[in-house]
Amino acid sequence: MAFRTATHDVVEATRAEIPAVQAFAEANPGYTWMVEGRPVPPDLAQVEFDELPPAELSYGRIRRLLAWERGSGALDGWIQVVEDLLAPGIWHIGLFLVAEARHGSGLAQQLHGALEAWAVDGGARWLRLGVAAVNERGARFWRRQGYAYLCARDVEAGGGRVNTIWVLAKPLPGNDLAGYLAAQTRDALSEPPAGWNALFSAR
């Protein structure tokens, strides 16, 4: 087991669980529709398990995690983390999906809090992720978890769609954003775009 919440056990996935992950994705298609504009592909889980970071980027271990509810055995979350992406101590959250029926339940916050503590124990100094600009709910969630805007870049998603991705980072205890910026050269701090500011200007 990687970590746990009050209700869920989070374990590292094996390739034997690809069918279960595919079934989870098909039962929760909202994210794929939002960022790719298409139904969940029949090989989505296989592709995600096979995919590696770009060859030019340094990275460590890739962790593919599943959140199972104790008692019911329901698969309620799918998380992927890349350790030491860009530089030692930077842990990148490449995927963080919670079952749509659990949206608004507090499970996402619980999973993230447990993930953060687990990452600290594993040597992480910063958490990093990218959120698609079309994912306004996700952007608000990550800001509430303490992530700061760094920069934006356009990335091709599945189905040929190009999304603007907002790159965010969160310093973990004993670290700061200045240290993150000094540790790597890919992400430089820039002024948040109007779209980012508009999400929070009235909140």
C-alpha atoms as a PDB file:
ATOM      1  CA  MET A   1       0.000   0.000   0.000  1.00  0.00           C
ATOM      2  CA  ALA A   2       1.274   3.466  -0.856  1.00  0.00           C
ATOM      3  CA  PHE A   3      -0.967   5.445   1.522  1.00  0.00           C
ATOM      4  CA  ARG A   4      -4.505   5.564   2.853  1.00  0.00           C
ATOM      5  CA  THR A   5      -7.299   7.941   3.791  1.00  0.00           C
ATOM      6  CA  ALA A   6     -10.041   7.406   6.353  1.00  0.00           C
ATOM      7  CA  THR A   7     -12.061   5.480   3.769  1.00  0.00           C
ATOM      8  CA  HIS A   8      -9.720   4.384   0.977  1.00  0.00           C
ATOM      9  CA  ASP A   9      -6.565   2.344   0.487  1.00  0.00           C
ATOM     10  CA  VAL A  10      -4.268   3.650  -2.246  1.00  0.00           C
ATOM     11  CA  VAL A  11      -2.110   0.959  -3.802  1.00  0.00           C
ATOM     12  CA  GLU A  12       0.336   0.821  -6.666  1.00  0.00           C
ATOM     13  CA  ALA A  13      -1.314  -0.569  -9.782  1.00  0.00           C
ATOM     14  CA  THR A  14       0.014  -3.534 -11.718  1.00  0.00           C
ATOM     15  CA  ARG A  15      -0.516  -4.203 -15.394  1.00  0.00           C
ATOM     16  CA  ALA A  16      -3.023  -6.887 -14.399  1.00  0.00           C
ATOM     17  CA  GLU A  17      -5.317  -4.048 -13.312  1.00  0.00           C
ATOM     18  CA  ILE A  18      -5.411  -2.347 -16.713  1.00  0.00           C
ATOM     19  CA  PRO A  19      -8.914  -3.729 -17.420  1.00  0.00           C
ATOM     20  CA  ALA A  20     -10.193  -2.336 -14.095  1.00  0.00           C
ATOM     21  CA  VAL A  21      -8.634   1.038 -14.869  1.00  0.00           C
ATOM     22  CA  GLN A  22     -10.182   1.030 -18.343  1.00  0.00           C
ATOM     23  CA  ALA A  23     -13.584   0.258 -16.833  1.00  0.00           C
ATOM     24  CA  PHE A  24     -13.102   3.125 -14.359  1.00  0.00           C
ATOM     25  CA  ALA A  25     -12.263   5.530 -17.187  1.00  0.00           C
ATOM     26  CA  GLU A  26     -15.286   4.462 -19.226  1.00  0.00           C
ATOM     27  CA  ALA A  27     -17.564   4.851 -16.196  1.00  0.00           C
ATOM     28  CA  ASN A  28     -16.162   8.355 -15.627  1.00  0.00           C
ATOM     29  CA  PRO A  29     -15.825   9.887 -19.101  1.00  0.00           C
ATOM     30  CA  GLY A  30     -16.261  13.540 -18.181  1.00  0.00           C
ATOM     31  CA  TYR A  31     -12.568  14.416 -18.021  1.00  0.00           C
ATOM     32  CA  THR A  32     -11.802  12.833 -21.405  1.00  0.00           C
ATOM     33  CA  TRP A  33     -14.716  14.643 -23.027  1.00  0.00           C
ATOM     34  CA  MET A  34     -13.565  17.926 -21.499  1.00  0.00           C
ATOM     35  CA  VAL A  35      -9.884  17.818 -22.482  1.00  0.00           C
ATOM     36  CA  GLU A  36     -10.027  15.661 -25.617  1.00  0.00           C
ATOM     37  CA  GLY A  37     -13.552  16.260 -26.905  1.00  0.00           C
ATOM     38  CA  ARG A  38     -14.211  12.571 -27.525  1.00  0.00           C
ATOM     39  CA  PRO A  39     -15.381   9.397 -25.753  1.00  0.00           C
ATOM     40  CA  VAL A  40     -12.907   7.366 -23.749  1.00  0.00           C
ATOM     41  CA  PRO A  41     -10.751   5.403 -26.251  1.00  0.00           C
ATOM     42  CA  PRO A  42     -10.871   1.619 -25.802  1.00  0.00           C
ATOM     43  CA  ASP A  43      -7.115   1.516 -25.149  1.00  0.00           C
ATOM     44  CA  LEU A  44      -6.849   4.549 -22.850  1.00  0.00           C
ATOM     45  CA  ALA A  45      -5.652   2.622 -19.788  1.00  0.00           C
ATOM     46  CA  GLN A  46      -3.105   0.647 -21.814  1.00  0.00           C
ATOM     47  CA  VAL A  47      -1.729   3.854 -23.346  1.00  0.00           C
ATOM     48  CA  GLU A  48      -1.490   5.526 -19.937  1.00  0.00           C
ATOM     49  CA  PHE A  49       0.391   2.558 -18.478  1.00  0.00           C
ATOM     50  CA  ASP A  50       2.806   2.511 -21.427  1.00  0.00           C
ATOM     51  CA  GLU A  51       3.383   6.262 -21.682  1.00  0.00           C
ATOM     52  CA  LEU A  52       6.678   7.742 -20.488  1.00  0.00           C
ATOM     53  CA  PRO A  53       7.734  11.360 -20.030  1.00  0.00           C
ATOM     54  CA  PRO A  54       9.426  13.012 -23.014  1.00  0.00           C
ATOM     55  CA  ALA A  55      12.897  11.616 -23.617  1.00  0.00           C
ATOM     56  CA  GLU A  56      14.555  14.983 -23.031  1.00  0.00           C
ATOM     57  CA  LEU A  57      13.247  15.227 -19.467  1.00  0.00           C
ATOM     58  CA  SER A  58      14.965  13.552 -16.537  1.00  0.00           C
ATOM     59  CA  TYR A  59      12.768  11.583 -14.179  1.00  0.00           C
ATOM     60  CA  GLY A  60      12.762   8.793 -11.616  1.00  0.00           C
ATOM     61  CA  ARG A  61      10.144   6.244 -10.721  1.00  0.00           C
ATOM     62  CA  ILE A  62       6.653   6.389 -12.217  1.00  0.00           C
ATOM     63  CA  ARG A  63       3.926   5.538  -9.692  1.00  0.00           C
ATOM     64  CA  ARG A  64       0.486   4.464 -10.937  1.00  0.00           C
ATOM     65  CA  LEU A  65      -1.907   4.462  -8.006  1.00  0.00           C
ATOM     66  CA  LEU A  66      -5.473   3.245  -7.480  1.00  0.00           C
ATOM     67  CA  ALA A  67      -7.767   4.316  -4.632  1.00  0.00           C
ATOM     68  CA  TRP A  68     -10.011   1.474  -3.466  1.00  0.00           C
ATOM     69  CA  GLU A  69     -12.801   2.078  -0.972  1.00  0.00           C
ATOM     70  CA  ARG A  70     -12.475  -0.187   2.034  1.00  0.00           C
ATOM     71  CA  GLY A  71     -15.512  -2.360   2.499  1.00  0.00           C
ATOM     72  CA  SER A  72     -17.130  -1.927  -0.916  1.00  0.00           C
ATOM     73  CA  GLY A  73     -13.977  -2.468  -2.959  1.00  0.00           C
ATOM     74  CA  ALA A  74     -15.041   0.311  -5.341  1.00  0.00           C
ATOM     75  CA  LEU A  75     -12.326   1.894  -7.459  1.00  0.00           C
ATOM     76  CA  ASP A  76     -12.804   5.604  -6.782  1.00  0.00           C
ATOM     77  CA  GLY A  77      -9.530   7.192  -7.872  1.00  0.00           C
ATOM     78  CA  TRP A  78      -6.695   6.916 -10.357  1.00  0.00           C
ATOM     79  CA  ILE A  79      -3.491   8.876  -9.765  1.00  0.00           C
ATOM     80  CA  GLN A  80      -0.174   8.932 -11.590  1.00  0.00           C
ATOM     81  CA  VAL A  81       2.944  10.480 -10.094  1.00  0.00           C
ATOM     82  CA  VAL A  82       6.388  10.867 -11.652  1.00  0.00           C
ATOM     83  CA  GLU A  83       9.146  11.187  -9.088  1.00  0.00           C
ATOM     84  CA  ASP A  84      12.031  13.606  -9.618  1.00  0.00           C
ATOM     85  CA  LEU A  85      10.739  15.017 -12.895  1.00  0.00           C
ATOM     86  CA  LEU A  86      13.040  17.803 -14.181  1.00  0.00           C
ATOM     87  CA  ALA A  87      15.136  17.701 -10.975  1.00  0.00           C
ATOM     88  CA  PRO A  88      15.469  15.719  -7.745  1.00  0.00           C
ATOM     89  CA  GLY A  89      12.662  16.516  -5.334  1.00  0.00           C
ATOM     90  CA  ILE A  90      10.082  17.573  -7.933  1.00  0.00           C
ATOM     91  CA  TRP A  91       7.197  15.102  -7.962  1.00  0.00           C
ATOM     92  CA  HIS A  92       4.810  15.599 -10.862  1.00  0.00           C
ATOM     93  CA  ILE A  93       1.132  14.658 -10.600  1.00  0.00           C
ATOM     94  CA  GLY A  94       0.412  13.577 -14.152  1.00  0.00           C
ATOM     95  CA  LEU A  95      -3.098  12.327 -13.495  1.00  0.00           C
ATOM     96  CA  PHE A  96      -5.518  12.789 -10.606  1.00  0.00           C
ATOM     97  CA  LEU A  97      -8.998  11.451 -11.345  1.00  0.00           C
ATOM     98  CA  VAL A  98     -11.747  10.876  -8.789  1.00  0.00           C
ATOM     99  CA  ALA A  99     -14.968   9.017  -9.598  1.00  0.00           C
ATOM    100  CA  GLU A 100     -17.559  11.496 -10.801  1.00  0.00           C
ATOM    101  CA  ALA A 101     -20.070  10.212  -8.226  1.00  0.00           C
ATOM    102  CA  ARG A 102     -17.566  11.304  -5.553  1.00  0.00           C
ATOM    103  CA  HIS A 103     -17.183  14.867  -6.805  1.00  0.00           C
ATOM    104  CA  GLY A 104     -18.046  17.290  -4.011  1.00  0.00           C
ATOM    105  CA  SER A 105     -17.703  14.595  -1.334  1.00  0.00           C
ATOM    106  CA  GLY A 106     -14.315  15.729  -0.042  1.00  0.00           C
ATOM    107  CA  LEU A 107     -12.575  12.594  -1.317  1.00  0.00           C
ATOM    108  CA  ALA A 108     -10.306  14.534  -3.690  1.00  0.00           C
ATOM    109  CA  GLN A 109      -9.034  16.702  -0.831  1.00  0.00           C
ATOM    110  CA  GLN A 110      -8.498  13.646   1.367  1.00  0.00           C
ATOM    111  CA  LEU A 111      -6.590  11.825  -1.355  1.00  0.00           C
ATOM    112  CA  HIS A 112      -4.447  14.839  -2.105  1.00  0.00           C
ATOM    113  CA  GLY A 113      -3.632  15.406   1.556  1.00  0.00           C
ATOM    114  CA  ALA A 114      -2.561  11.793   1.979  1.00  0.00           C
ATOM    115  CA  LEU A 115      -0.606  11.912  -1.279  1.00  0.00           C
ATOM    116  CA  GLU A 116       1.216  15.039  -0.141  1.00  0.00           C
ATOM    117  CA  ALA A 117       2.261  13.453   3.160  1.00  0.00           C
ATOM    118  CA  TRP A 118       3.384  10.310   1.309  1.00  0.00           C
ATOM    119  CA  ALA A 119       5.412  12.402  -1.133  1.00  0.00           C
ATOM    120  CA  VAL A 120       7.141  14.265   1.691  1.00  0.00           C
ATOM    121  CA  ASP A 121       8.066  10.951   3.309  1.00  0.00           C
ATOM    122  CA  GLY A 122       9.472   9.840  -0.057  1.00  0.00           C
ATOM    123  CA  GLY A 123      11.732  12.867  -0.397  1.00  0.00           C
ATOM    124  CA  ALA A 124       9.603  15.246  -2.447  1.00  0.00           C
ATOM    125  CA  ARG A 125      10.300  18.942  -2.004  1.00  0.00           C
ATOM    126  CA  TRP A 126       7.738  20.281  -4.463  1.00  0.00           C
ATOM    127  CA  LEU A 127       4.613  18.973  -6.153  1.00  0.00           C
ATOM    128  CA  ARG A 128       4.025  19.985  -9.763  1.00  0.00           C
ATOM    129  CA  LEU A 129       1.180  19.466 -12.221  1.00  0.00           C
ATOM    130  CA  GLY A 130      -0.478  20.857 -15.318  1.00  0.00           C
ATOM    131  CA  VAL A 131      -4.176  21.701 -15.480  1.00  0.00           C
ATOM    132  CA  ALA A 132      -5.962  22.348 -18.771  1.00  0.00           C
ATOM    133  CA  ALA A 133      -7.384  25.851 -19.032  1.00  0.00           C
ATOM    134  CA  VAL A 134     -10.755  24.324 -19.982  1.00  0.00           C
ATOM    135  CA  ASN A 135     -10.804  22.516 -16.632  1.00  0.00           C
ATOM    136  CA  GLU A 136     -11.980  25.446 -14.517  1.00  0.00           C
ATOM    137  CA  ARG A 137     -13.195  23.251 -11.657  1.00  0.00           C
ATOM    138  CA  GLY A 138      -9.817  21.551 -11.533  1.00  0.00           C
ATOM    139  CA  ALA A 139      -7.954  24.861 -11.519  1.00  0.00           C
ATOM    140  CA  ARG A 140     -10.000  26.067  -8.562  1.00  0.00           C
ATOM    141  CA  PHE A 141      -9.391  22.798  -6.732  1.00  0.00           C
ATOM    142  CA  TRP A 142      -5.624  22.986  -7.159  1.00  0.00           C
ATOM    143  CA  ARG A 143      -5.483  26.577  -6.039  1.00  0.00           C
ATOM    144  CA  ARG A 144      -7.379  25.626  -2.877  1.00  0.00           C
ATOM    145  CA  GLN A 145      -4.737  22.954  -2.240  1.00  0.00           C
ATOM    146  CA  GLY A 146      -2.037  25.627  -2.262  1.00  0.00           C
ATOM    147  CA  TYR A 147      -0.657  25.422  -5.812  1.00  0.00           C
ATOM    148  CA  ALA A 148       0.735  28.549  -7.458  1.00  0.00           C
ATOM    149  CA  TYR A 149       0.672  29.465 -11.143  1.00  0.00           C
ATOM    150  CA  LEU A 150       4.041  29.301 -12.913  1.00  0.00           C
ATOM    151  CA  CYS A 151       3.558  29.432 -16.673  1.00  0.00           C
ATOM    152  CA  ALA A 152       1.478  28.151 -19.589  1.00  0.00           C
ATOM    153  CA  ARG A 153       2.226  26.019 -22.621  1.00  0.00           C
ATOM    154  CA  ASP A 154       0.175  24.503 -25.419  1.00  0.00           C
ATOM    155  CA  VAL A 155       0.090  20.696 -25.432  1.00  0.00           C
ATOM    156  CA  GLU A 156      -1.519  18.310 -27.899  1.00  0.00           C
ATOM    157  CA  ALA A 157      -4.046  16.031 -26.221  1.00  0.00           C
ATOM    158  CA  GLY A 158      -5.596  12.819 -27.473  1.00  0.00           C
ATOM    159  CA  GLY A 159      -7.852  13.231 -30.459  1.00  0.00           C
ATOM    160  CA  GLY A 160      -5.633  15.938 -31.911  1.00  0.00           C
ATOM    161  CA  ARG A 161      -6.948  18.727 -29.704  1.00  0.00           C
ATOM    162  CA  VAL A 162      -4.428  21.306 -28.485  1.00  0.00           C
ATOM    163  CA  ASN A 163      -4.994  22.526 -24.918  1.00  0.00           C
ATOM    164  CA  THR A 164      -3.454  25.409 -23.059  1.00  0.00           C
ATOM    165  CA  ILE A 165      -1.948  23.888 -19.935  1.00  0.00           C
ATOM    166  CA  TRP A 166      -1.375  25.962 -16.818  1.00  0.00           C
ATOM    167  CA  VAL A 167       1.705  24.675 -14.993  1.00  0.00           C
ATOM    168  CA  LEU A 168       1.360  24.845 -11.203  1.00  0.00           C
ATOM    169  CA  ALA A 169       3.649  23.990  -8.313  1.00  0.00           C
ATOM    170  CA  LYS A 170       3.364  23.679  -4.552  1.00  0.00           C
ATOM    171  CA  PRO A 171       6.378  23.930  -2.236  1.00  0.00           C
ATOM    172  CA  LEU A 172       6.323  21.292   0.478  1.00  0.00           C
ATOM    173  CA  PRO A 173       7.330  22.076   4.079  1.00  0.00           C
ATOM    174  CA  GLY A 174      10.789  23.628   4.336  1.00  0.00           C
ATOM    175  CA  ASN A 175      10.866  24.646   0.673  1.00  0.00           C
ATOM    176  CA  ASP A 176       9.705  27.613  -1.383  1.00  0.00           C
ATOM    177  CA  LEU A 177       8.882  28.588  -4.940  1.00  0.00           C
ATOM    178  CA  ALA A 178      12.228  30.323  -5.380  1.00  0.00           C
ATOM    179  CA  GLY A 179      13.948  27.018  -4.681  1.00  0.00           C
ATOM    180  CA  TYR A 180      11.779  25.298  -7.283  1.00  0.00           C
ATOM    181  CA  LEU A 181      12.660  27.870  -9.914  1.00  0.00           C
ATOM    182  CA  ALA A 182      16.351  27.479  -9.102  1.00  0.00           C
ATOM    183  CA  ALA A 183      16.192  23.660  -9.248  1.00  0.00           C
ATOM    184  CA  GLN A 184      15.048  23.397 -12.871  1.00  0.00           C
ATOM    185  CA  THR A 185      15.029  25.416 -16.092  1.00  0.00           C
ATOM    186  CA  ARG A 186      11.863  24.261 -17.885  1.00  0.00           C
ATOM    187  CA  ASP A 187       9.312  26.231 -15.851  1.00  0.00           C
ATOM    188  CA  ALA A 188       9.866  29.967 -15.467  1.00  0.00           C
ATOM    189  CA  LEU A 189       7.594  32.217 -13.448  1.00  0.00           C
ATOM    190  CA  SER A 190       5.364  34.392 -15.640  1.00  0.00           C
ATOM    191  CA  GLU A 191       2.375  36.666 -15.200  1.00  0.00           C
ATOM    192  CA  PRO A 192      -0.871  34.662 -14.925  1.00  0.00           C
ATOM    193  CA  PRO A 193      -3.107  35.050 -17.991  1.00  0.00           C
ATOM    194  CA  ALA A 194      -6.467  36.762 -17.876  1.00  0.00           C
ATOM    195  CA  GLY A 195      -8.235  33.396 -17.955  1.00  0.00           C
ATOM    196  CA  TRP A 196      -6.509  32.277 -14.765  1.00  0.00           C
ATOM    197  CA  ASN A 197      -7.158  35.532 -12.951  1.00  0.00           C
ATOM    198  CA  ALA A 198     -10.812  35.564 -14.024  1.00  0.00           C
ATOM    199  CA  LEU A 199     -11.433  32.263 -12.256  1.00  0.00           C
ATOM    200  CA  PHE A 200     -10.651  33.808  -8.888  1.00  0.00           C
ATOM    201  CA  SER A 201     -11.275  37.533  -9.259  1.00  0.00           C
ATOM    202  CA  ALA A 202     -14.834  37.268  -7.962  1.00  0.00           C
ATOM    203  CA  ARG A 203     -14.044  34.744  -5.244  1.00  0.00           C
END
